[in-house]
Amino acid sequence: MRLMTAIALRIGDILNAKGMTQLELAERSGISQNTITNVLNQNYNGMNTRVLYCICETLEITLHDFFNDPLFDEKHLEY
């Protein structure tokens, strides 16, 4: 699995668990809805730590908690 796929799936899982929409995430994080949609659709090749940090902060999780998931097991990731 590509790293961007794992990131998109993880964000989607957390959004679902928190009952939050993409629009709510965009509004609360200050990241454009277009960027959020592109990240979740894996069309955002310019993924950077600032965007991911803002998403995690808005979802009230740490970067450690975000990446501490089986989706990011190195055995399954392609870079």
Protein backbone atom coordinates (compact mmCIF):
# COMPACT_ATOMS: atom_id res chain seq x y z
CA MET A 1 0.00 0.00 0.00
CA ARG A 2 1.25 3.47 -0.81
CA LEU A 3 1.95 5.80 2.09
CA MET A 4 -0.59 8.35 0.77
CA THR A 5 -3.23 5.60 0.69
CA ALA A 6 -2.51 4.71 4.32
CA ILE A 7 -2.67 8.38 5.34
CA ALA A 8 -5.98 8.89 3.52
CA LEU A 9 -7.48 5.74 5.07
CA ARG A 10 -6.31 6.74 8.54
CA ILE A 11 -7.80 10.22 8.28
CA GLY A 12 -11.05 8.75 6.98
CA ASP A 13 -11.18 6.24 9.84
CA ILE A 14 -10.64 8.98 12.44
CA LEU A 15 -13.23 11.24 10.83
CA ASN A 16 -15.77 8.40 10.93
CA ALA A 17 -14.92 7.55 14.54
CA LYS A 18 -15.40 11.17 15.57
CA GLY A 19 -18.52 11.66 13.45
CA MET A 20 -16.86 14.56 11.64
CA THR A 21 -17.26 15.47 7.98
CA GLN A 22 -14.58 16.64 5.58
CA LEU A 23 -16.21 20.07 5.61
CA GLU A 24 -16.05 20.26 9.41
CA LEU A 25 -12.40 19.22 9.32
CA ALA A 26 -11.65 21.91 6.75
CA GLU A 27 -13.50 24.63 8.68
CA ARG A 28 -11.93 23.73 12.04
CA SER A 29 -8.40 23.24 10.72
CA GLY A 30 -8.20 26.23 8.38
CA ILE A 31 -7.15 23.90 5.56
CA SER A 32 -9.19 24.34 2.39
CA GLN A 33 -11.90 21.78 1.72
CA ASN A 34 -10.26 21.21 -1.67
CA THR A 35 -7.01 20.21 0.03
CA ILE A 36 -8.81 17.89 2.47
CA THR A 37 -10.69 16.27 -0.43
CA ASN A 38 -7.49 15.86 -2.42
CA VAL A 39 -5.71 14.26 0.55
CA LEU A 40 -8.57 11.82 1.10
CA ASN A 41 -8.77 11.05 -2.64
CA GLN A 42 -4.99 10.62 -2.73
CA ASN A 43 -4.61 13.39 -5.31
CA TYR A 44 -2.38 15.51 -3.10
CA ASN A 45 1.22 14.78 -3.98
CA GLY A 46 2.43 17.77 -2.01
CA MET A 47 1.47 16.31 1.38
CA ASN A 48 3.57 18.03 3.97
CA THR A 49 4.01 17.86 7.68
CA ARG A 50 2.22 21.16 8.29
CA VAL A 51 -0.98 19.89 6.67
CA LEU A 52 -0.82 16.57 8.49
CA TYR A 53 -0.02 18.30 11.79
CA CYS A 54 -3.00 20.66 11.41
CA ILE A 55 -5.27 17.72 10.60
CA CYS A 56 -4.05 15.79 13.65
CA GLU A 57 -4.37 18.83 15.90
CA THR A 58 -7.94 19.39 14.70
CA LEU A 59 -8.77 15.71 15.23
CA GLU A 60 -7.26 16.00 18.71
CA ILE A 61 -4.65 13.29 18.23
CA THR A 62 -0.87 13.39 18.22
CA LEU A 63 1.26 12.55 15.22
CA HIS A 64 2.45 9.54 17.23
CA ASP A 65 -1.13 8.34 17.69
CA PHE A 66 -1.86 8.96 14.02
CA PHE A 67 1.01 6.79 12.81
CA ASN A 68 0.67 4.21 15.60
CA ASP A 69 -1.72 2.11 13.53
CA PRO A 70 -1.31 -1.16 11.61
CA LEU A 71 -1.86 0.76 8.36
CA PHE A 72 1.67 2.08 8.76
CA ASP A 73 3.36 -1.28 9.33
CA GLU A 74 6.47 -1.00 7.16
CA LYS A 75 5.93 -4.50 5.81
CA HIS A 76 2.85 -3.26 3.96
CA LEU A 77 3.98 0.18 2.79
CA GLU A 78 5.41 1.27 -0.54
CA TYR A 79 7.15 4.61 -0.81
